[in-house]
PDB file of N, CA and C in Angstrom:
ATOM      1  N   UNK A   1     -53.557  10.769  48.575  1.00  0.00           N
ATOM      2  CA  UNK A   1     -53.999  10.123  47.364  1.00  0.00           C
ATOM      3  C   UNK A   1     -53.269   8.794  47.208  1.00  0.00           C
ATOM      4  N   UNK A   2     -54.022   7.754  46.906  1.00  0.00           N
ATOM      5  CA  UNK A   2     -53.442   6.425  46.729  1.00  0.00           C
ATOM      6  C   UNK A   2     -52.664   6.381  45.412  1.00  0.00           C
ATOM      7  N   UNK A   3     -51.478   5.797  45.473  1.00  0.00           N
ATOM      8  CA  UNK A   3     -50.672   5.674  44.264  1.00  0.00           C
ATOM      9  C   UNK A   3     -51.230   4.552  43.402  1.00  0.00           C
ATOM     10  N   UNK A   4     -51.471   4.851  42.146  1.00  0.00           N
ATOM     11  CA  UNK A   4     -51.910   3.850  41.193  1.00  0.00           C
ATOM     12  C   UNK A   4     -50.845   3.719  40.126  1.00  0.00           C
ATOM     13  N   UNK A   5     -50.636   2.491  39.691  1.00  0.00           N
ATOM     14  CA  UNK A   5     -49.647   2.228  38.660  1.00  0.00           C
ATOM     15  C   UNK A   5     -50.350   1.763  37.398  1.00  0.00           C
ATOM     16  N   UNK A   6     -49.975   2.353  36.283  1.00  0.00           N
ATOM     17  CA  UNK A   6     -50.478   1.916  34.992  1.00  0.00           C
ATOM     18  C   UNK A   6     -49.326   1.266  34.251  1.00  0.00           C
ATOM     19  N   UNK A   7     -49.459  -0.023  33.994  1.00  0.00           N
ATOM     20  CA  UNK A   7     -48.445  -0.753  33.244  1.00  0.00           C
ATOM     21  C   UNK A   7     -48.817  -0.705  31.773  1.00  0.00           C
ATOM     22  N   UNK A   8     -47.808  -0.564  30.912  1.00  0.00           N
ATOM     23  CA  UNK A   8     -48.085  -0.514  29.483  1.00  0.00           C
ATOM     24  C   UNK A   8     -46.981  -1.224  28.719  1.00  0.00           C
ATOM     25  N   UNK A   9     -47.296  -1.587  27.489  1.00  0.00           N
ATOM     26  CA  UNK A   9     -46.339  -2.226  26.594  1.00  0.00           C
ATOM     27  C   UNK A   9     -46.148  -1.322  25.386  1.00  0.00           C
ATOM     28  N   UNK A  10     -45.018  -1.484  24.729  1.00  0.00           N
ATOM     29  CA  UNK A  10     -44.753  -0.718  23.517  1.00  0.00           C
ATOM     30  C   UNK A  10     -44.356  -1.707  22.422  1.00  0.00           C
ATOM     31  N   UNK A  11     -44.874  -1.478  21.238  1.00  0.00           N
ATOM     32  CA  UNK A  11     -44.596  -2.340  20.096  1.00  0.00           C
ATOM     33  C   UNK A  11     -43.553  -1.661  19.224  1.00  0.00           C
ATOM     34  N   UNK A  12     -42.364  -2.246  19.209  1.00  0.00           N
ATOM     35  CA  UNK A  12     -41.279  -1.698  18.408  1.00  0.00           C
ATOM     36  C   UNK A  12     -40.401  -0.756  19.210  1.00  0.00           C
ATOM     37  N   UNK A  13     -39.117  -0.815  18.930  1.00  0.00           N
ATOM     38  CA  UNK A  13     -38.177   0.050  19.635  1.00  0.00           C
ATOM     39  C   UNK A  13     -37.211   0.675  18.634  1.00  0.00           C
ATOM     40  N   UNK A  14     -37.789   1.130  17.538  1.00  0.00           N
ATOM     41  CA  UNK A  14     -37.013   1.858  16.533  1.00  0.00           C
ATOM     42  C   UNK A  14     -36.933   3.319  16.932  1.00  0.00           C
ATOM     43  N   UNK A  15     -36.886   4.174  15.944  1.00  0.00           N
ATOM     44  CA  UNK A  15     -36.768   5.609  16.201  1.00  0.00           C
ATOM     45  C   UNK A  15     -37.941   6.131  17.022  1.00  0.00           C
ATOM     46  N   UNK A  16     -39.152   5.797  16.613  1.00  0.00           N
ATOM     47  CA  UNK A  16     -40.342   6.293  17.310  1.00  0.00           C
ATOM     48  C   UNK A  16     -40.480   5.653  18.687  1.00  0.00           C
ATOM     49  N   UNK A  17     -40.327   4.334  18.760  1.00  0.00           N
ATOM     50  CA  UNK A  17     -40.457   3.637  20.042  1.00  0.00           C
ATOM     51  C   UNK A  17     -39.468   4.143  21.078  1.00  0.00           C
ATOM     52  N   UNK A  18     -38.206   4.324  20.669  1.00  0.00           N
ATOM     53  CA  UNK A  18     -37.194   4.850  21.592  1.00  0.00           C
ATOM     54  C   UNK A  18     -37.555   6.257  22.044  1.00  0.00           C
ATOM     55  N   UNK A  19     -38.067   7.058  21.108  1.00  0.00           N
ATOM     56  CA  UNK A  19     -38.457   8.425  21.447  1.00  0.00           C
ATOM     57  C   UNK A  19     -39.594   8.465  22.452  1.00  0.00           C
ATOM     58  N   UNK A  20     -40.568   7.584  22.275  1.00  0.00           N
ATOM     59  CA  UNK A  20     -41.699   7.517  23.208  1.00  0.00           C
ATOM     60  C   UNK A  20     -41.217   7.114  24.593  1.00  0.00           C
ATOM     61  N   UNK A  21     -40.375   6.086  24.667  1.00  0.00           N
ATOM     62  CA  UNK A  21     -39.852   5.628  25.959  1.00  0.00           C
ATOM     63  C   UNK A  21     -39.058   6.745  26.628  1.00  0.00           C
ATOM     64  N   UNK A  22     -38.206   7.424  25.871  1.00  0.00           N
ATOM     65  CA  UNK A  22     -37.401   8.520  26.432  1.00  0.00           C
ATOM     66  C   UNK A  22     -38.297   9.647  26.943  1.00  0.00           C
ATOM     67  N   UNK A  23     -39.302  10.017  26.156  1.00  0.00           N
ATOM     68  CA  UNK A  23     -40.224  11.083  26.548  1.00  0.00           C
ATOM     69  C   UNK A  23     -40.978  10.718  27.825  1.00  0.00           C
ATOM     70  N   UNK A  24     -41.446   9.488  27.918  1.00  0.00           N
ATOM     71  CA  UNK A  24     -42.165   9.056  29.119  1.00  0.00           C
ATOM     72  C   UNK A  24     -41.245   9.032  30.341  1.00  0.00           C
ATOM     73  N   UNK A  25     -39.989   8.608  30.147  1.00  0.00           N
ATOM     74  CA  UNK A  25     -39.046   8.597  31.263  1.00  0.00           C
ATOM     75  C   UNK A  25     -38.757  10.019  31.738  1.00  0.00           C
ATOM     76  N   UNK A  26     -38.572  10.936  30.793  1.00  0.00           N
ATOM     77  CA  UNK A  26     -38.258  12.322  31.151  1.00  0.00           C
ATOM     78  C   UNK A  26     -39.456  13.045  31.762  1.00  0.00           C
ATOM     79  N   UNK A  27     -40.657  12.619  31.414  1.00  0.00           N
ATOM     80  CA  UNK A  27     -41.878  13.297  31.861  1.00  0.00           C
ATOM     81  C   UNK A  27     -42.588  12.567  32.990  1.00  0.00           C
ATOM     82  N   UNK A  28     -41.960  11.538  33.529  1.00  0.00           N
ATOM     83  CA  UNK A  28     -42.600  10.680  34.532  1.00  0.00           C
ATOM     84  C   UNK A  28     -43.180  11.475  35.702  1.00  0.00           C
ATOM     85  N   UNK A  29     -42.391  12.368  36.274  1.00  0.00           N
ATOM     86  CA  UNK A  29     -42.840  13.117  37.455  1.00  0.00           C
ATOM     87  C   UNK A  29     -43.996  14.062  37.114  1.00  0.00           C
ATOM     88  N   UNK A  30     -43.870  14.775  35.989  1.00  0.00           N
ATOM     89  CA  UNK A  30     -44.935  15.688  35.582  1.00  0.00           C
ATOM     90  C   UNK A  30     -46.234  14.925  35.301  1.00  0.00           C
ATOM     91  N   UNK A  31     -46.136  13.781  34.633  1.00  0.00           N
ATOM     92  CA  UNK A  31     -47.324  12.973  34.353  1.00  0.00           C
ATOM     93  C   UNK A  31     -47.958  12.469  35.646  1.00  0.00           C
ATOM     94  N   UNK A  32     -47.120  12.116  36.616  1.00  0.00           N
ATOM     95  CA  UNK A  32     -47.648  11.663  37.906  1.00  0.00           C
ATOM     96  C   UNK A  32     -48.398  12.794  38.612  1.00  0.00           C
ATOM     97  N   UNK A  33     -47.829  13.985  38.587  1.00  0.00           N
ATOM     98  CA  UNK A  33     -48.484  15.126  39.236  1.00  0.00           C
ATOM     99  C   UNK A  33     -49.819  15.466  38.569  1.00  0.00           C
ATOM    100  N   UNK A  34     -49.882  15.345  37.250  1.00  0.00           N
ATOM    101  CA  UNK A  34     -51.108  15.699  36.525  1.00  0.00           C
ATOM    102  C   UNK A  34     -52.173  14.610  36.587  1.00  0.00           C
ATOM    103  N   UNK A  35     -51.748  13.337  36.613  1.00  0.00           N
ATOM    104  CA  UNK A  35     -52.712  12.236  36.514  1.00  0.00           C
ATOM    105  C   UNK A  35     -52.853  11.424  37.789  1.00  0.00           C
ATOM    106  N   UNK A  36     -51.836  11.482  38.660  1.00  0.00           N
ATOM    107  CA  UNK A  36     -51.843  10.650  39.856  1.00  0.00           C
ATOM    108  C   UNK A  36     -51.402   9.223  39.583  1.00  0.00           C
ATOM    109  N   UNK A  37     -50.947   8.956  38.357  1.00  0.00           N
ATOM    110  CA  UNK A  37     -50.537   7.606  37.980  1.00  0.00           C
ATOM    111  C   UNK A  37     -49.021   7.492  37.912  1.00  0.00           C
ATOM    112  N   UNK A  38     -48.519   6.339  38.332  1.00  0.00           N
ATOM    113  CA  UNK A  38     -47.128   5.985  38.097  1.00  0.00           C
ATOM    114  C   UNK A  38     -47.116   5.097  36.861  1.00  0.00           C
ATOM    115  N   UNK A  39     -46.396   5.501  35.825  1.00  0.00           N
ATOM    116  CA  UNK A  39     -46.327   4.715  34.600  1.00  0.00           C
ATOM    117  C   UNK A  39     -45.187   3.715  34.693  1.00  0.00           C
ATOM    118  N   UNK A  40     -45.467   2.487  34.290  1.00  0.00           N
ATOM    119  CA  UNK A  40     -44.460   1.425  34.337  1.00  0.00           C
ATOM    120  C   UNK A  40     -44.414   0.731  32.984  1.00  0.00           C
ATOM    121  N   UNK A  41     -43.268   0.784  32.340  1.00  0.00           N
ATOM    122  CA  UNK A  41     -43.075   0.073  31.076  1.00  0.00           C
ATOM    123  C   UNK A  41     -42.941  -1.403  31.409  1.00  0.00           C
ATOM    124  N   UNK A  42     -43.966  -2.180  31.085  1.00  0.00           N
ATOM    125  CA  UNK A  42     -44.015  -3.584  31.478  1.00  0.00           C
ATOM    126  C   UNK A  42     -43.380  -4.498  30.433  1.00  0.00           C
ATOM    127  N   UNK A  43     -43.602  -4.208  29.168  1.00  0.00           N
ATOM    128  CA  UNK A  43     -43.098  -5.064  28.090  1.00  0.00           C
ATOM    129  C   UNK A  43     -42.704  -4.216  26.892  1.00  0.00           C
ATOM    130  N   UNK A  44     -41.716  -4.718  26.157  1.00  0.00           N
ATOM    131  CA  UNK A  44     -41.345  -4.146  24.872  1.00  0.00           C
ATOM    132  C   UNK A  44     -41.348  -5.300  23.885  1.00  0.00           C
ATOM    133  N   UNK A  45     -42.144  -5.170  22.833  1.00  0.00           N
ATOM    134  CA  UNK A  45     -42.230  -6.213  21.818  1.00  0.00           C
ATOM    135  C   UNK A  45     -41.416  -5.781  20.609  1.00  0.00           C
ATOM    136  N   UNK A  46     -40.453  -6.623  20.223  1.00  0.00           N
ATOM    137  CA  UNK A  46     -39.577  -6.297  19.101  1.00  0.00           C
ATOM    138  C   UNK A  46     -39.454  -7.500  18.180  1.00  0.00           C
ATOM    139  N   UNK A  47     -39.042  -7.237  16.961  1.00  0.00           N
ATOM    140  CA  UNK A  47     -38.893  -8.312  15.981  1.00  0.00           C
ATOM    141  C   UNK A  47     -37.700  -9.205  16.325  1.00  0.00           C
ATOM    142  N   UNK A  48     -36.570  -8.602  16.692  1.00  0.00           N
ATOM    143  CA  UNK A  48     -35.342  -9.355  16.961  1.00  0.00           C
ATOM    144  C   UNK A  48     -34.941  -9.162  18.419  1.00  0.00           C
ATOM    145  N   UNK A  49     -35.315 -10.118  19.263  1.00  0.00           N
ATOM    146  CA  UNK A  49     -35.037 -10.009  20.701  1.00  0.00           C
ATOM    147  C   UNK A  49     -33.553 -10.159  21.024  1.00  0.00           C
ATOM    148  N   UNK A  50     -32.760 -10.686  20.083  1.00  0.00           N
ATOM    149  CA  UNK A  50     -31.334 -10.879  20.361  1.00  0.00           C
ATOM    150  C   UNK A  50     -30.521  -9.597  20.137  1.00  0.00           C
ATOM    151  N   UNK A  51     -31.103  -8.600  19.497  1.00  0.00           N
ATOM    152  CA  UNK A  51     -30.406  -7.337  19.245  1.00  0.00           C
ATOM    153  C   UNK A  51     -30.226  -6.574  20.560  1.00  0.00           C
ATOM    154  N   UNK A  52     -28.989  -6.111  20.842  1.00  0.00           N
ATOM    155  CA  UNK A  52     -28.767  -5.375  22.095  1.00  0.00           C
ATOM    156  C   UNK A  52     -29.525  -4.049  22.109  1.00  0.00           C
ATOM    157  N   UNK A  53     -30.110  -3.743  23.250  1.00  0.00           N
ATOM    158  CA  UNK A  53     -30.857  -2.496  23.426  1.00  0.00           C
ATOM    159  C   UNK A  53     -30.405  -1.848  24.726  1.00  0.00           C
ATOM    160  N   UNK A  54     -29.383  -0.989  24.648  1.00  0.00           N
ATOM    161  CA  UNK A  54     -28.855  -0.339  25.847  1.00  0.00           C
ATOM    162  C   UNK A  54     -29.940   0.445  26.576  1.00  0.00           C
ATOM    163  N   UNK A  55     -29.903   0.374  27.886  1.00  0.00           N
ATOM    164  CA  UNK A  55     -30.844   1.132  28.699  1.00  0.00           C
ATOM    165  C   UNK A  55     -32.074   0.352  29.111  1.00  0.00           C
ATOM    166  N   UNK A  56     -32.288  -0.809  28.517  1.00  0.00           N
ATOM    167  CA  UNK A  56     -33.412  -1.661  28.910  1.00  0.00           C
ATOM    168  C   UNK A  56     -32.859  -2.950  29.490  1.00  0.00           C
ATOM    169  N   UNK A  57     -33.401  -3.340  30.622  1.00  0.00           N
ATOM    170  CA  UNK A  57     -32.916  -4.591  31.205  1.00  0.00           C
ATOM    171  C   UNK A  57     -33.627  -5.758  30.535  1.00  0.00           C
ATOM    172  N   UNK A  58     -32.953  -6.871  30.444  1.00  0.00           N
ATOM    173  CA  UNK A  58     -33.504  -8.074  29.825  1.00  0.00           C
ATOM    174  C   UNK A  58     -34.371  -8.798  30.843  1.00  0.00           C
ATOM    175  N   UNK A  59     -35.609  -9.027  30.502  1.00  0.00           N
ATOM    176  CA  UNK A  59     -36.516  -9.670  31.453  1.00  0.00           C
ATOM    177  C   UNK A  59     -36.925 -11.064  31.001  1.00  0.00           C
ATOM    178  N   UNK A  60     -36.158 -11.648  30.112  1.00  0.00           N
ATOM    179  CA  UNK A  60     -36.502 -12.994  29.633  1.00  0.00           C
ATOM    180  C   UNK A  60     -36.311 -14.016  30.688  1.00  0.00           C
TER     181      UNK A  60
END
């Protein structure tokens, strides 16, 4: 099976946004087995880009 990548963005990285990112990271392998897709977090849109966000690399 050919590997397909689905890139996605998330709006906001508060309580819910962080939870979604964590859940997707923890479930990455299971989601790949069920869907055949590799999920890639491409962008995170936030109000204050200068605020430190541990665990995410800065892509500016």
